[in-house]
Protein backbone atom coordinates (compact mmCIF):
# COMPACT_ATOMS: atom_id res chain seq x y z
CA UNK A 1 0.00 0.00 0.00
CA UNK A 2 1.36 3.39 -0.99
CA UNK A 3 0.85 6.37 1.28
CA UNK A 4 0.54 9.76 -0.32
CA UNK A 5 2.45 12.62 1.20
CA UNK A 6 0.62 15.69 2.49
CA UNK A 7 0.61 18.76 0.22
CA UNK A 8 3.78 20.84 0.30
CA UNK A 9 3.14 24.24 1.90
CA UNK A 10 3.19 27.00 -0.71
CA UNK A 11 2.33 24.67 -3.59
CA UNK A 12 -1.36 25.50 -3.61
CA UNK A 13 -1.29 26.78 -7.20
CA UNK A 14 -1.73 23.17 -8.29
CA UNK A 15 -4.94 22.75 -6.28
CA UNK A 16 -8.33 23.79 -7.65
CA UNK A 17 -10.72 25.35 -5.17
CA UNK A 18 -12.86 22.19 -5.40
CA UNK A 19 -9.80 20.06 -4.63
CA UNK A 20 -8.70 21.83 -1.46
CA UNK A 21 -7.54 19.42 1.23
CA UNK A 22 -10.37 17.82 3.20
CA UNK A 23 -11.52 20.10 5.97
CA UNK A 24 -10.12 23.24 4.32
CA UNK A 25 -12.55 26.09 4.27
CA UNK A 26 -12.91 28.87 1.73
CA UNK A 27 -10.99 31.33 3.91
CA UNK A 28 -8.20 28.94 4.86
CA UNK A 29 -4.60 29.98 4.09
CA UNK A 30 -4.52 27.55 1.13
CA UNK A 31 -7.70 29.03 -0.37
CA UNK A 32 -6.58 32.62 0.24
CA UNK A 33 -3.21 31.98 -1.42
CA UNK A 34 -4.91 30.26 -4.36
CA UNK A 35 -7.29 33.21 -4.80
CA UNK A 36 -4.43 35.72 -4.63
CA UNK A 37 -2.28 33.75 -7.06
CA UNK A 38 -5.09 33.36 -9.60
CA UNK A 39 -5.91 37.08 -9.44
CA UNK A 40 -2.25 38.14 -9.60
CA UNK A 41 -1.44 35.80 -12.50
CA UNK A 42 -4.36 37.12 -14.57
CA UNK A 43 -3.35 40.74 -13.89
CA UNK A 44 0.35 40.17 -14.65
CA UNK A 45 -0.52 38.44 -17.93
CA UNK A 46 -2.81 41.33 -18.91
CA UNK A 47 -0.07 43.85 -18.03
CA UNK A 48 2.68 41.92 -19.88
CA UNK A 49 0.54 41.61 -23.02
CA UNK A 50 -0.01 45.36 -23.00
CA UNK A 51 3.72 46.08 -22.64
CA UNK A 52 4.94 43.93 -25.51
CA UNK A 53 8.73 44.23 -25.61
CA UNK A 54 8.91 47.02 -23.01
CA UNK A 55 10.62 45.68 -19.88
CA UNK A 56 8.88 46.02 -16.53
CA UNK A 57 9.29 45.08 -12.89
CA UNK A 58 6.64 42.94 -11.24
CA UNK A 59 6.02 45.79 -8.82
CA UNK A 60 5.11 48.01 -11.78
CA UNK A 61 2.51 45.44 -12.87
CA UNK A 62 1.21 45.06 -9.32
CA UNK A 63 0.82 48.81 -8.92
CA UNK A 64 -0.77 49.36 -12.35
CA UNK A 65 -3.14 46.40 -11.99
CA UNK A 66 -3.84 47.12 -8.30
CA UNK A 67 -2.78 43.66 -7.15
CA UNK A 68 -2.98 43.32 -3.38
CA UNK A 69 -0.03 42.05 -1.37
CA UNK A 70 0.00 38.24 -1.10
CA UNK A 71 -0.43 36.33 2.16
CA UNK A 72 3.37 35.82 2.36
CA UNK A 73 4.97 38.77 0.49
CA UNK A 74 8.50 37.55 1.15
CA UNK A 75 7.91 34.34 -0.81
CA UNK A 76 4.67 34.40 -2.79
CA UNK A 77 5.80 37.00 -5.36
CA UNK A 78 8.94 35.01 -6.13
CA UNK A 79 7.09 31.69 -6.40
CA UNK A 80 4.51 33.17 -8.76
CA UNK A 81 7.02 34.92 -11.02
CA UNK A 82 9.32 31.90 -11.22
CA UNK A 83 6.37 29.69 -12.20
CA UNK A 84 5.32 32.18 -14.90
CA UNK A 85 8.91 32.19 -16.16
CA UNK A 86 9.07 28.36 -16.27
CA UNK A 87 5.76 28.30 -18.17
CA UNK A 88 7.08 30.78 -20.77
CA UNK A 89 4.68 33.55 -19.77
CA UNK A 90 7.52 35.89 -18.75
CA UNK A 91 11.07 36.17 -20.06
CA UNK A 92 13.90 37.94 -18.23
CA UNK A 93 14.88 41.24 -19.82
CA UNK A 94 17.61 42.40 -17.45
CA UNK A 95 17.79 43.98 -14.03
CA UNK A 96 17.18 47.38 -12.47
CA UNK A 97 16.99 49.06 -9.08
CA UNK A 98 13.67 48.23 -7.46
CA UNK A 99 10.84 50.73 -7.68
CA UNK A 100 9.20 49.14 -4.62
CA UNK A 101 9.75 50.95 -1.32
CA UNK A 102 10.08 47.68 0.63
CA UNK A 103 13.03 46.62 -1.55
CA UNK A 104 14.34 50.07 -2.47
CA UNK A 105 17.80 50.09 -3.98
CA UNK A 106 17.81 46.31 -4.42
CA UNK A 107 18.58 44.91 -7.84
CA UNK A 108 15.54 43.08 -9.26
CA UNK A 109 14.69 41.32 -12.50
CA UNK A 110 12.90 43.11 -15.30
CA UNK A 111 10.59 41.06 -17.49
CA UNK A 112 8.94 41.05 -20.91
CA UNK A 113 6.11 38.96 -22.31
CA UNK A 114 7.42 35.44 -22.86
CA UNK A 115 6.98 33.07 -25.78
CA UNK A 116 3.70 31.64 -24.42
CA UNK A 117 2.13 35.10 -24.55
CA UNK A 118 3.63 36.01 -27.91
CA UNK A 119 2.28 32.78 -29.38
CA UNK A 120 -1.15 33.58 -28.00
CA UNK A 121 -1.17 30.52 -25.76
CA UNK A 122 -2.69 32.52 -22.88
C-alpha atoms as a PDB file:
ATOM      1  CA  UNK A   1       0.000   0.000   0.000  1.00  0.00           C
ATOM      2  CA  UNK A   2       1.360   3.388  -0.990  1.00  0.00           C
ATOM      3  CA  UNK A   3       0.852   6.368   1.282  1.00  0.00           C
ATOM      4  CA  UNK A   4       0.543   9.763  -0.315  1.00  0.00           C
ATOM      5  CA  UNK A   5       2.449  12.619   1.204  1.00  0.00           C
ATOM      6  CA  UNK A   6       0.618  15.686   2.490  1.00  0.00           C
ATOM      7  CA  UNK A   7       0.608  18.759   0.224  1.00  0.00           C
ATOM      8  CA  UNK A   8       3.782  20.836   0.301  1.00  0.00           C
ATOM      9  CA  UNK A   9       3.141  24.242   1.899  1.00  0.00           C
ATOM     10  CA  UNK A  10       3.185  26.997  -0.711  1.00  0.00           C
ATOM     11  CA  UNK A  11       2.328  24.666  -3.590  1.00  0.00           C
ATOM     12  CA  UNK A  12      -1.363  25.502  -3.612  1.00  0.00           C
ATOM     13  CA  UNK A  13      -1.290  26.777  -7.201  1.00  0.00           C
ATOM     14  CA  UNK A  14      -1.729  23.174  -8.289  1.00  0.00           C
ATOM     15  CA  UNK A  15      -4.944  22.745  -6.278  1.00  0.00           C
ATOM     16  CA  UNK A  16      -8.327  23.791  -7.647  1.00  0.00           C
ATOM     17  CA  UNK A  17     -10.716  25.352  -5.168  1.00  0.00           C
ATOM     18  CA  UNK A  18     -12.858  22.194  -5.396  1.00  0.00           C
ATOM     19  CA  UNK A  19      -9.800  20.057  -4.631  1.00  0.00           C
ATOM     20  CA  UNK A  20      -8.703  21.833  -1.464  1.00  0.00           C
ATOM     21  CA  UNK A  21      -7.538  19.421   1.233  1.00  0.00           C
ATOM     22  CA  UNK A  22     -10.369  17.816   3.195  1.00  0.00           C
ATOM     23  CA  UNK A  23     -11.524  20.097   5.967  1.00  0.00           C
ATOM     24  CA  UNK A  24     -10.115  23.235   4.323  1.00  0.00           C
ATOM     25  CA  UNK A  25     -12.548  26.091   4.273  1.00  0.00           C
ATOM     26  CA  UNK A  26     -12.905  28.872   1.729  1.00  0.00           C
ATOM     27  CA  UNK A  27     -10.991  31.329   3.908  1.00  0.00           C
ATOM     28  CA  UNK A  28      -8.197  28.943   4.863  1.00  0.00           C
ATOM     29  CA  UNK A  29      -4.598  29.975   4.092  1.00  0.00           C
ATOM     30  CA  UNK A  30      -4.523  27.552   1.128  1.00  0.00           C
ATOM     31  CA  UNK A  31      -7.700  29.033  -0.367  1.00  0.00           C
ATOM     32  CA  UNK A  32      -6.578  32.623   0.238  1.00  0.00           C
ATOM     33  CA  UNK A  33      -3.205  31.976  -1.417  1.00  0.00           C
ATOM     34  CA  UNK A  34      -4.914  30.264  -4.360  1.00  0.00           C
ATOM     35  CA  UNK A  35      -7.295  33.213  -4.803  1.00  0.00           C
ATOM     36  CA  UNK A  36      -4.428  35.720  -4.631  1.00  0.00           C
ATOM     37  CA  UNK A  37      -2.277  33.749  -7.056  1.00  0.00           C
ATOM     38  CA  UNK A  38      -5.093  33.362  -9.595  1.00  0.00           C
ATOM     39  CA  UNK A  39      -5.905  37.082  -9.436  1.00  0.00           C
ATOM     40  CA  UNK A  40      -2.248  38.140  -9.598  1.00  0.00           C
ATOM     41  CA  UNK A  41      -1.444  35.801 -12.499  1.00  0.00           C
ATOM     42  CA  UNK A  42      -4.358  37.123 -14.567  1.00  0.00           C
ATOM     43  CA  UNK A  43      -3.352  40.736 -13.887  1.00  0.00           C
ATOM     44  CA  UNK A  44       0.352  40.169 -14.647  1.00  0.00           C
ATOM     45  CA  UNK A  45      -0.522  38.439 -17.935  1.00  0.00           C
ATOM     46  CA  UNK A  46      -2.811  41.331 -18.911  1.00  0.00           C
ATOM     47  CA  UNK A  47      -0.066  43.848 -18.032  1.00  0.00           C
ATOM     48  CA  UNK A  48       2.684  41.916 -19.876  1.00  0.00           C
ATOM     49  CA  UNK A  49       0.542  41.607 -23.025  1.00  0.00           C
ATOM     50  CA  UNK A  50      -0.005  45.358 -23.000  1.00  0.00           C
ATOM     51  CA  UNK A  51       3.716  46.076 -22.636  1.00  0.00           C
ATOM     52  CA  UNK A  52       4.935  43.929 -25.513  1.00  0.00           C
ATOM     53  CA  UNK A  53       8.729  44.232 -25.614  1.00  0.00           C
ATOM     54  CA  UNK A  54       8.914  47.019 -23.013  1.00  0.00           C
ATOM     55  CA  UNK A  55      10.619  45.677 -19.878  1.00  0.00           C
ATOM     56  CA  UNK A  56       8.884  46.024 -16.525  1.00  0.00           C
ATOM     57  CA  UNK A  57       9.291  45.084 -12.891  1.00  0.00           C
ATOM     58  CA  UNK A  58       6.641  42.937 -11.245  1.00  0.00           C
ATOM     59  CA  UNK A  59       6.022  45.789  -8.817  1.00  0.00           C
ATOM     60  CA  UNK A  60       5.110  48.011 -11.785  1.00  0.00           C
ATOM     61  CA  UNK A  61       2.511  45.436 -12.871  1.00  0.00           C
ATOM     62  CA  UNK A  62       1.206  45.062  -9.317  1.00  0.00           C
ATOM     63  CA  UNK A  63       0.819  48.806  -8.916  1.00  0.00           C
ATOM     64  CA  UNK A  64      -0.772  49.359 -12.346  1.00  0.00           C
ATOM     65  CA  UNK A  65      -3.145  46.400 -11.993  1.00  0.00           C
ATOM     66  CA  UNK A  66      -3.840  47.118  -8.301  1.00  0.00           C
ATOM     67  CA  UNK A  67      -2.784  43.655  -7.154  1.00  0.00           C
ATOM     68  CA  UNK A  68      -2.976  43.324  -3.381  1.00  0.00           C
ATOM     69  CA  UNK A  69      -0.033  42.050  -1.366  1.00  0.00           C
ATOM     70  CA  UNK A  70       0.002  38.243  -1.103  1.00  0.00           C
ATOM     71  CA  UNK A  71      -0.428  36.326   2.155  1.00  0.00           C
ATOM     72  CA  UNK A  72       3.367  35.823   2.357  1.00  0.00           C
ATOM     73  CA  UNK A  73       4.971  38.775   0.490  1.00  0.00           C
ATOM     74  CA  UNK A  74       8.505  37.549   1.152  1.00  0.00           C
ATOM     75  CA  UNK A  75       7.915  34.336  -0.808  1.00  0.00           C
ATOM     76  CA  UNK A  76       4.667  34.398  -2.794  1.00  0.00           C
ATOM     77  CA  UNK A  77       5.799  36.998  -5.356  1.00  0.00           C
ATOM     78  CA  UNK A  78       8.935  35.011  -6.132  1.00  0.00           C
ATOM     79  CA  UNK A  79       7.091  31.693  -6.402  1.00  0.00           C
ATOM     80  CA  UNK A  80       4.510  33.167  -8.759  1.00  0.00           C
ATOM     81  CA  UNK A  81       7.018  34.923 -11.018  1.00  0.00           C
ATOM     82  CA  UNK A  82       9.323  31.903 -11.218  1.00  0.00           C
ATOM     83  CA  UNK A  83       6.369  29.692 -12.204  1.00  0.00           C
ATOM     84  CA  UNK A  84       5.315  32.178 -14.896  1.00  0.00           C
ATOM     85  CA  UNK A  85       8.906  32.191 -16.157  1.00  0.00           C
ATOM     86  CA  UNK A  86       9.066  28.359 -16.267  1.00  0.00           C
ATOM     87  CA  UNK A  87       5.755  28.297 -18.168  1.00  0.00           C
ATOM     88  CA  UNK A  88       7.078  30.775 -20.768  1.00  0.00           C
ATOM     89  CA  UNK A  89       4.680  33.552 -19.766  1.00  0.00           C
ATOM     90  CA  UNK A  90       7.521  35.894 -18.748  1.00  0.00           C
ATOM     91  CA  UNK A  91      11.066  36.166 -20.056  1.00  0.00           C
ATOM     92  CA  UNK A  92      13.896  37.941 -18.233  1.00  0.00           C
ATOM     93  CA  UNK A  93      14.879  41.242 -19.824  1.00  0.00           C
ATOM     94  CA  UNK A  94      17.609  42.395 -17.446  1.00  0.00           C
ATOM     95  CA  UNK A  95      17.792  43.984 -14.025  1.00  0.00           C
ATOM     96  CA  UNK A  96      17.184  47.384 -12.471  1.00  0.00           C
ATOM     97  CA  UNK A  97      16.986  49.058  -9.085  1.00  0.00           C
ATOM     98  CA  UNK A  98      13.670  48.232  -7.457  1.00  0.00           C
ATOM     99  CA  UNK A  99      10.835  50.732  -7.678  1.00  0.00           C
ATOM    100  CA  UNK A 100       9.199  49.136  -4.621  1.00  0.00           C
ATOM    101  CA  UNK A 101       9.753  50.951  -1.317  1.00  0.00           C
ATOM    102  CA  UNK A 102      10.083  47.684   0.626  1.00  0.00           C
ATOM    103  CA  UNK A 103      13.033  46.616  -1.545  1.00  0.00           C
ATOM    104  CA  UNK A 104      14.339  50.075  -2.472  1.00  0.00           C
ATOM    105  CA  UNK A 105      17.804  50.089  -3.978  1.00  0.00           C
ATOM    106  CA  UNK A 106      17.812  46.311  -4.421  1.00  0.00           C
ATOM    107  CA  UNK A 107      18.582  44.912  -7.842  1.00  0.00           C
ATOM    108  CA  UNK A 108      15.541  43.078  -9.259  1.00  0.00           C
ATOM    109  CA  UNK A 109      14.689  41.321 -12.505  1.00  0.00           C
ATOM    110  CA  UNK A 110      12.903  43.107 -15.299  1.00  0.00           C
ATOM    111  CA  UNK A 111      10.588  41.064 -17.495  1.00  0.00           C
ATOM    112  CA  UNK A 112       8.936  41.054 -20.906  1.00  0.00           C
ATOM    113  CA  UNK A 113       6.108  38.956 -22.307  1.00  0.00           C
ATOM    114  CA  UNK A 114       7.417  35.441 -22.862  1.00  0.00           C
ATOM    115  CA  UNK A 115       6.984  33.069 -25.780  1.00  0.00           C
ATOM    116  CA  UNK A 116       3.701  31.639 -24.424  1.00  0.00           C
ATOM    117  CA  UNK A 117       2.134  35.101 -24.550  1.00  0.00           C
ATOM    118  CA  UNK A 118       3.630  36.009 -27.910  1.00  0.00           C
ATOM    119  CA  UNK A 119       2.278  32.779 -29.382  1.00  0.00           C
ATOM    120  CA  UNK A 120      -1.151  33.580 -27.995  1.00  0.00           C
ATOM    121  CA  UNK A 121      -1.168  30.517 -25.756  1.00  0.00           C
ATOM    122  CA  UNK A 122      -2.690  32.516 -22.882  1.00  0.00           C
END
